[in-house]
Amino acid sequence: MGYTVGDVLAERTVHLTRESLVRYAGASGDFNPIHYRDDVAASVGLPGVLAHGMLTMGIASSVVVAALDPATRILDYGVRFTKPVVVDPDEGADVTVVATVGAVDDESARIDLKVTFGETTVLVKAQLRVAV
């Protein structure tokens, strides 16, 4: 696969529900009640039940991985968390990921991820590096 700076490799919106959070908690073993109990989230000053940070990070990388050739080697992946994804009990939450080629050299391509919840950027410096 050839990479050109500025090309959008993938874009997807993933809808999360409270059920999504319970399923992720079961898979990850992270049963912190801020991810499923409104009263606990409120008691620690949160705006509501939050999606797991690692779930958000995993969703972001999965959008890129699905768009890559299966033989592509991922060299590095990192993010910084800035804002939480609040999952409404009725409406859920939509997380949108846009993956754009940010840089290319002889050995690798950097794919920049824009990850948003509504108008809010939830991950910054979200970058995945692949071998070329």
C-alpha atoms as a PDB file:
ATOM      1  CA  MET A   1       0.000   0.000   0.000  1.00  0.00           C
ATOM      2  CA  GLY A   2       1.373   3.391  -0.942  1.00  0.00           C
ATOM      3  CA  TYR A   3       1.021   6.284   1.476  1.00  0.00           C
ATOM      4  CA  THR A   4       0.653   9.936   0.526  1.00  0.00           C
ATOM      5  CA  VAL A   5       0.639  12.702   3.119  1.00  0.00           C
ATOM      6  CA  GLY A   6      -2.866  14.094   3.491  1.00  0.00           C
ATOM      7  CA  ASP A   7      -4.711  10.999   2.266  1.00  0.00           C
ATOM      8  CA  VAL A   8      -7.600   9.887   4.442  1.00  0.00           C
ATOM      9  CA  LEU A   9      -7.176   6.136   4.931  1.00  0.00           C
ATOM     10  CA  ALA A  10     -10.340   5.525   6.886  1.00  0.00           C
ATOM     11  CA  GLU A  11     -13.248   7.224   8.596  1.00  0.00           C
ATOM     12  CA  ARG A  12     -15.868   5.633  10.804  1.00  0.00           C
ATOM     13  CA  THR A  13     -18.312   6.491  13.566  1.00  0.00           C
ATOM     14  CA  VAL A  14     -18.801   3.875  16.272  1.00  0.00           C
ATOM     15  CA  HIS A  15     -21.911   3.986  18.435  1.00  0.00           C
ATOM     16  CA  LEU A  16     -21.389   3.048  22.068  1.00  0.00           C
ATOM     17  CA  THR A  17     -24.126   2.052  24.483  1.00  0.00           C
ATOM     18  CA  ARG A  18     -24.084   1.174  28.145  1.00  0.00           C
ATOM     19  CA  GLU A  19     -24.203  -2.449  26.987  1.00  0.00           C
ATOM     20  CA  SER A  20     -20.990  -1.825  25.019  1.00  0.00           C
ATOM     21  CA  LEU A  21     -19.334  -0.709  28.252  1.00  0.00           C
ATOM     22  CA  VAL A  22     -20.502  -3.782  30.158  1.00  0.00           C
ATOM     23  CA  ARG A  23     -19.228  -6.055  27.395  1.00  0.00           C
ATOM     24  CA  TYR A  24     -15.872  -4.272  27.357  1.00  0.00           C
ATOM     25  CA  ALA A  25     -15.635  -4.485  31.147  1.00  0.00           C
ATOM     26  CA  GLY A  26     -16.157  -8.233  30.933  1.00  0.00           C
ATOM     27  CA  ALA A  27     -13.516  -8.624  28.253  1.00  0.00           C
ATOM     28  CA  SER A  28     -10.952  -6.344  29.897  1.00  0.00           C
ATOM     29  CA  GLY A  29     -11.625  -7.053  33.553  1.00  0.00           C
ATOM     30  CA  ASP A  30     -12.000  -3.296  34.232  1.00  0.00           C
ATOM     31  CA  PHE A  31     -15.094  -3.135  36.426  1.00  0.00           C
ATOM     32  CA  ASN A  32     -14.536   0.356  37.812  1.00  0.00           C
ATOM     33  CA  PRO A  33     -18.099   1.539  38.567  1.00  0.00           C
ATOM     34  CA  ILE A  34     -17.552   4.908  36.832  1.00  0.00           C
ATOM     35  CA  HIS A  35     -18.072   2.894  33.649  1.00  0.00           C
ATOM     36  CA  TYR A  36     -21.565   1.677  34.534  1.00  0.00           C
ATOM     37  CA  ARG A  37     -23.027   3.507  37.562  1.00  0.00           C
ATOM     38  CA  ASP A  38     -24.279   7.074  37.269  1.00  0.00           C
ATOM     39  CA  ASP A  39     -24.308   7.586  41.035  1.00  0.00           C
ATOM     40  CA  VAL A  40     -20.650   6.615  41.413  1.00  0.00           C
ATOM     41  CA  ALA A  41     -19.615   8.747  38.425  1.00  0.00           C
ATOM     42  CA  ALA A  42     -21.469  11.735  39.910  1.00  0.00           C
ATOM     43  CA  SER A  43     -19.990  11.156  43.372  1.00  0.00           C
ATOM     44  CA  VAL A  44     -16.457  11.605  41.994  1.00  0.00           C
ATOM     45  CA  GLY A  45     -17.382  14.696  39.982  1.00  0.00           C
ATOM     46  CA  LEU A  46     -17.765  13.156  36.543  1.00  0.00           C
ATOM     47  CA  PRO A  47     -20.414  14.360  34.080  1.00  0.00           C
ATOM     48  CA  GLY A  48     -21.769  10.810  33.719  1.00  0.00           C
ATOM     49  CA  VAL A  49     -20.754   7.236  33.030  1.00  0.00           C
ATOM     50  CA  LEU A  50     -17.564   7.190  30.959  1.00  0.00           C
ATOM     51  CA  ALA A  51     -16.370   4.848  28.262  1.00  0.00           C
ATOM     52  CA  HIS A  52     -13.145   3.103  29.204  1.00  0.00           C
ATOM     53  CA  GLY A  53     -10.108   4.964  27.885  1.00  0.00           C
ATOM     54  CA  MET A  54      -8.658   1.764  26.473  1.00  0.00           C
ATOM     55  CA  LEU A  55     -11.950   1.080  24.684  1.00  0.00           C
ATOM     56  CA  THR A  56     -11.740   4.489  23.010  1.00  0.00           C
ATOM     57  CA  MET A  57      -8.092   3.851  22.126  1.00  0.00           C
ATOM     58  CA  GLY A  58      -8.952   0.405  20.753  1.00  0.00           C
ATOM     59  CA  ILE A  59     -11.787   1.746  18.630  1.00  0.00           C
ATOM     60  CA  ALA A  60      -9.453   4.348  17.141  1.00  0.00           C
ATOM     61  CA  SER A  61      -6.789   1.815  16.162  1.00  0.00           C
ATOM     62  CA  SER A  62      -9.345  -0.681  14.846  1.00  0.00           C
ATOM     63  CA  VAL A  63     -10.554   1.841  12.267  1.00  0.00           C
ATOM     64  CA  VAL A  64      -7.026   2.071  10.843  1.00  0.00           C
ATOM     65  CA  VAL A  65      -6.250  -1.635  11.071  1.00  0.00           C
ATOM     66  CA  ALA A  66      -9.434  -2.488   9.153  1.00  0.00           C
ATOM     67  CA  ALA A  67      -8.278  -0.222   6.305  1.00  0.00           C
ATOM     68  CA  LEU A  68      -4.732  -1.598   6.084  1.00  0.00           C
ATOM     69  CA  ASP A  69      -3.488  -4.579   4.156  1.00  0.00           C
ATOM     70  CA  PRO A  70      -3.491  -7.553   6.578  1.00  0.00           C
ATOM     71  CA  ALA A  71       0.264  -7.974   6.075  1.00  0.00           C
ATOM     72  CA  THR A  72       1.026  -4.427   7.285  1.00  0.00           C
ATOM     73  CA  ARG A  73       3.283  -4.261  10.338  1.00  0.00           C
ATOM     74  CA  ILE A  74       2.292  -1.786  13.017  1.00  0.00           C
ATOM     75  CA  LEU A  75       5.433  -0.361  14.575  1.00  0.00           C
ATOM     76  CA  ASP A  76       4.014   1.956  17.213  1.00  0.00           C
ATOM     77  CA  TYR A  77       0.746   3.342  18.531  1.00  0.00           C
ATOM     78  CA  GLY A  78       0.204   6.015  21.124  1.00  0.00           C
ATOM     79  CA  VAL A  79      -2.360   8.549  22.264  1.00  0.00           C
ATOM     80  CA  ARG A  80      -2.959  11.163  24.929  1.00  0.00           C
ATOM     81  CA  PHE A  81      -6.351  11.268  26.572  1.00  0.00           C
ATOM     82  CA  THR A  82      -7.898  14.744  26.814  1.00  0.00           C
ATOM     83  CA  LYS A  83     -11.629  14.429  27.398  1.00  0.00           C
ATOM     84  CA  PRO A  84     -13.850  11.512  28.375  1.00  0.00           C
ATOM     85  CA  VAL A  85     -16.567   9.927  26.269  1.00  0.00           C
ATOM     86  CA  VAL A  86     -19.756  10.234  28.325  1.00  0.00           C
ATOM     87  CA  VAL A  87     -22.197   7.453  27.438  1.00  0.00           C
ATOM     88  CA  ASP A  88     -25.799   8.545  27.926  1.00  0.00           C
ATOM     89  CA  PRO A  89     -28.060   5.784  29.299  1.00  0.00           C
ATOM     90  CA  ASP A  90     -30.624   6.313  26.526  1.00  0.00           C
ATOM     91  CA  GLU A  91     -28.784   7.919  23.615  1.00  0.00           C
ATOM     92  CA  GLY A  92     -25.384   6.271  24.005  1.00  0.00           C
ATOM     93  CA  ALA A  93     -22.411   8.052  22.432  1.00  0.00           C
ATOM     94  CA  ASP A  94     -20.900   8.289  18.969  1.00  0.00           C
ATOM     95  CA  VAL A  95     -17.112   8.241  18.625  1.00  0.00           C
ATOM     96  CA  THR A  96     -15.818   9.349  15.230  1.00  0.00           C
ATOM     97  CA  VAL A  97     -12.366   8.417  13.962  1.00  0.00           C
ATOM     98  CA  VAL A  98     -10.654   9.918  10.914  1.00  0.00           C
ATOM     99  CA  ALA A  99      -7.288   8.404   9.959  1.00  0.00           C
ATOM    100  CA  THR A 100      -5.049  10.579   7.786  1.00  0.00           C
ATOM    101  CA  VAL A 101      -1.495  10.005   6.573  1.00  0.00           C
ATOM    102  CA  GLY A 102       0.580  12.569   8.451  1.00  0.00           C
ATOM    103  CA  ALA A 103       4.127  11.754   7.362  1.00  0.00           C
ATOM    104  CA  VAL A 104       6.042   9.239   5.260  1.00  0.00           C
ATOM    105  CA  ASP A 105       9.724   8.352   5.131  1.00  0.00           C
ATOM    106  CA  ASP A 106      11.729   5.457   3.691  1.00  0.00           C
ATOM    107  CA  GLU A 107      10.855   3.096   6.529  1.00  0.00           C
ATOM    108  CA  SER A 108       7.460   4.078   7.890  1.00  0.00           C
ATOM    109  CA  ALA A 109       4.275   6.075   7.580  1.00  0.00           C
ATOM    110  CA  ARG A 110       2.689   7.995  10.430  1.00  0.00           C
ATOM    111  CA  ILE A 111      -1.074   7.855  10.497  1.00  0.00           C
ATOM    112  CA  ASP A 112      -2.714  10.639  12.491  1.00  0.00           C
ATOM    113  CA  LEU A 113      -6.036   9.902  14.126  1.00  0.00           C
ATOM    114  CA  LYS A 114      -8.657  12.533  14.844  1.00  0.00           C
ATOM    115  CA  VAL A 115     -10.930  11.034  17.493  1.00  0.00           C
ATOM    116  CA  THR A 116     -14.011  12.980  18.501  1.00  0.00           C
ATOM    117  CA  PHE A 117     -17.142  12.639  20.591  1.00  0.00           C
ATOM    118  CA  GLY A 118     -19.570  15.199  19.225  1.00  0.00           C
ATOM    119  CA  GLU A 119     -17.522  18.365  18.753  1.00  0.00           C
ATOM    120  CA  THR A 120     -15.017  17.341  21.436  1.00  0.00           C
ATOM    121  CA  THR A 121     -11.596  15.889  20.639  1.00  0.00           C
ATOM    122  CA  VAL A 122     -11.084  13.010  23.074  1.00  0.00           C
ATOM    123  CA  LEU A 123      -7.598  11.839  22.030  1.00  0.00           C
ATOM    124  CA  VAL A 124      -4.675  14.016  20.977  1.00  0.00           C
ATOM    125  CA  LYS A 125      -1.335  12.986  19.559  1.00  0.00           C
ATOM    126  CA  ALA A 126      -3.129   9.840  18.459  1.00  0.00           C
ATOM    127  CA  GLN A 127      -0.667   8.368  16.012  1.00  0.00           C
ATOM    128  CA  LEU A 128      -0.069   4.940  14.583  1.00  0.00           C
ATOM    129  CA  ARG A 129       3.176   4.184  12.739  1.00  0.00           C
ATOM    130  CA  VAL A 130       3.346   1.423  10.122  1.00  0.00           C
ATOM    131  CA  ALA A 131       6.182  -0.077   8.119  1.00  0.00           C
ATOM    132  CA  VAL A 132       6.252   0.845   4.432  1.00  0.00           C
END
